[in-house]
Amino acid sequence: MVKLNLSLKMEIGAIFKIAEVVEIVNKIQTVQKPSDSKCK
């Protein structure tokens, strides 16, 4: 049971980390898009 619980927590933690990375990437992309169009 303890091992199962640990792996579950690890998976949830990994999912949250991935979600955070995706949010950061989306923010960077939305910030870069307007500046890119202005440069062109």
C-alpha atoms as a PDB file:
ATOM      1  CA  MET A   1       0.000   0.000   0.000  1.00  0.00           C
ATOM      2  CA  VAL A   2       2.794   2.420   0.903  1.00  0.00           C
ATOM      3  CA  LYS A   3       4.602   1.762  -2.386  1.00  0.00           C
ATOM      4  CA  LEU A   4       1.376   2.310  -4.345  1.00  0.00           C
ATOM      5  CA  ASN A   5       0.724   5.562  -2.483  1.00  0.00           C
ATOM      6  CA  LEU A   6       4.277   6.758  -3.153  1.00  0.00           C
ATOM      7  CA  SER A   7       4.071   6.078  -6.903  1.00  0.00           C
ATOM      8  CA  LEU A   8       0.689   7.821  -7.033  1.00  0.00           C
ATOM      9  CA  LYS A   9       2.157  10.896  -5.343  1.00  0.00           C
ATOM     10  CA  MET A  10       5.111  10.829  -7.740  1.00  0.00           C
ATOM     11  CA  GLU A  11       2.791  10.652 -10.766  1.00  0.00           C
ATOM     12  CA  ILE A  12       0.622  13.499  -9.465  1.00  0.00           C
ATOM     13  CA  GLY A  13       3.749  15.568  -8.775  1.00  0.00           C
ATOM     14  CA  ALA A  14       5.053  14.905 -12.279  1.00  0.00           C
ATOM     15  CA  ILE A  15       1.699  15.902 -13.798  1.00  0.00           C
ATOM     16  CA  PHE A  16       1.723  19.163 -11.817  1.00  0.00           C
ATOM     17  CA  LYS A  17       5.316  19.875 -12.914  1.00  0.00           C
ATOM     18  CA  ILE A  18       4.396  19.255 -16.564  1.00  0.00           C
ATOM     19  CA  ALA A  19       1.348  21.517 -16.202  1.00  0.00           C
ATOM     20  CA  GLU A  20       3.562  24.263 -14.736  1.00  0.00           C
ATOM     21  CA  VAL A  21       6.050  23.941 -17.601  1.00  0.00           C
ATOM     22  CA  VAL A  22       3.230  24.060 -20.179  1.00  0.00           C
ATOM     23  CA  GLU A  23       1.811  27.207 -18.540  1.00  0.00           C
ATOM     24  CA  ILE A  24       5.239  28.881 -18.554  1.00  0.00           C
ATOM     25  CA  VAL A  25       5.796  27.943 -22.225  1.00  0.00           C
ATOM     26  CA  ASN A  26       2.363  29.290 -23.164  1.00  0.00           C
ATOM     27  CA  LYS A  27       3.090  32.557 -21.339  1.00  0.00           C
ATOM     28  CA  ILE A  28       6.471  32.908 -23.095  1.00  0.00           C
ATOM     29  CA  GLN A  29       4.864  32.189 -26.500  1.00  0.00           C
ATOM     30  CA  THR A  30       2.079  34.746 -25.974  1.00  0.00           C
ATOM     31  CA  VAL A  31       4.667  37.331 -24.869  1.00  0.00           C
ATOM     32  CA  GLN A  32       6.978  36.634 -27.836  1.00  0.00           C
ATOM     33  CA  LYS A  33       4.291  36.603 -30.572  1.00  0.00           C
ATOM     34  CA  PRO A  34       3.456  40.355 -30.424  1.00  0.00           C
ATOM     35  CA  SER A  35       7.130  41.373 -30.189  1.00  0.00           C
ATOM     36  CA  ASP A  36       7.981  39.120 -33.164  1.00  0.00           C
ATOM     37  CA  SER A  37       5.284  40.740 -35.335  1.00  0.00           C
ATOM     38  CA  LYS A  38       6.522  44.212 -34.317  1.00  0.00           C
ATOM     39  CA  CYS A  39      10.113  43.333 -35.262  1.00  0.00           C
ATOM     40  CA  LYS A  40       8.988  42.193 -38.726  1.00  0.00           C
END
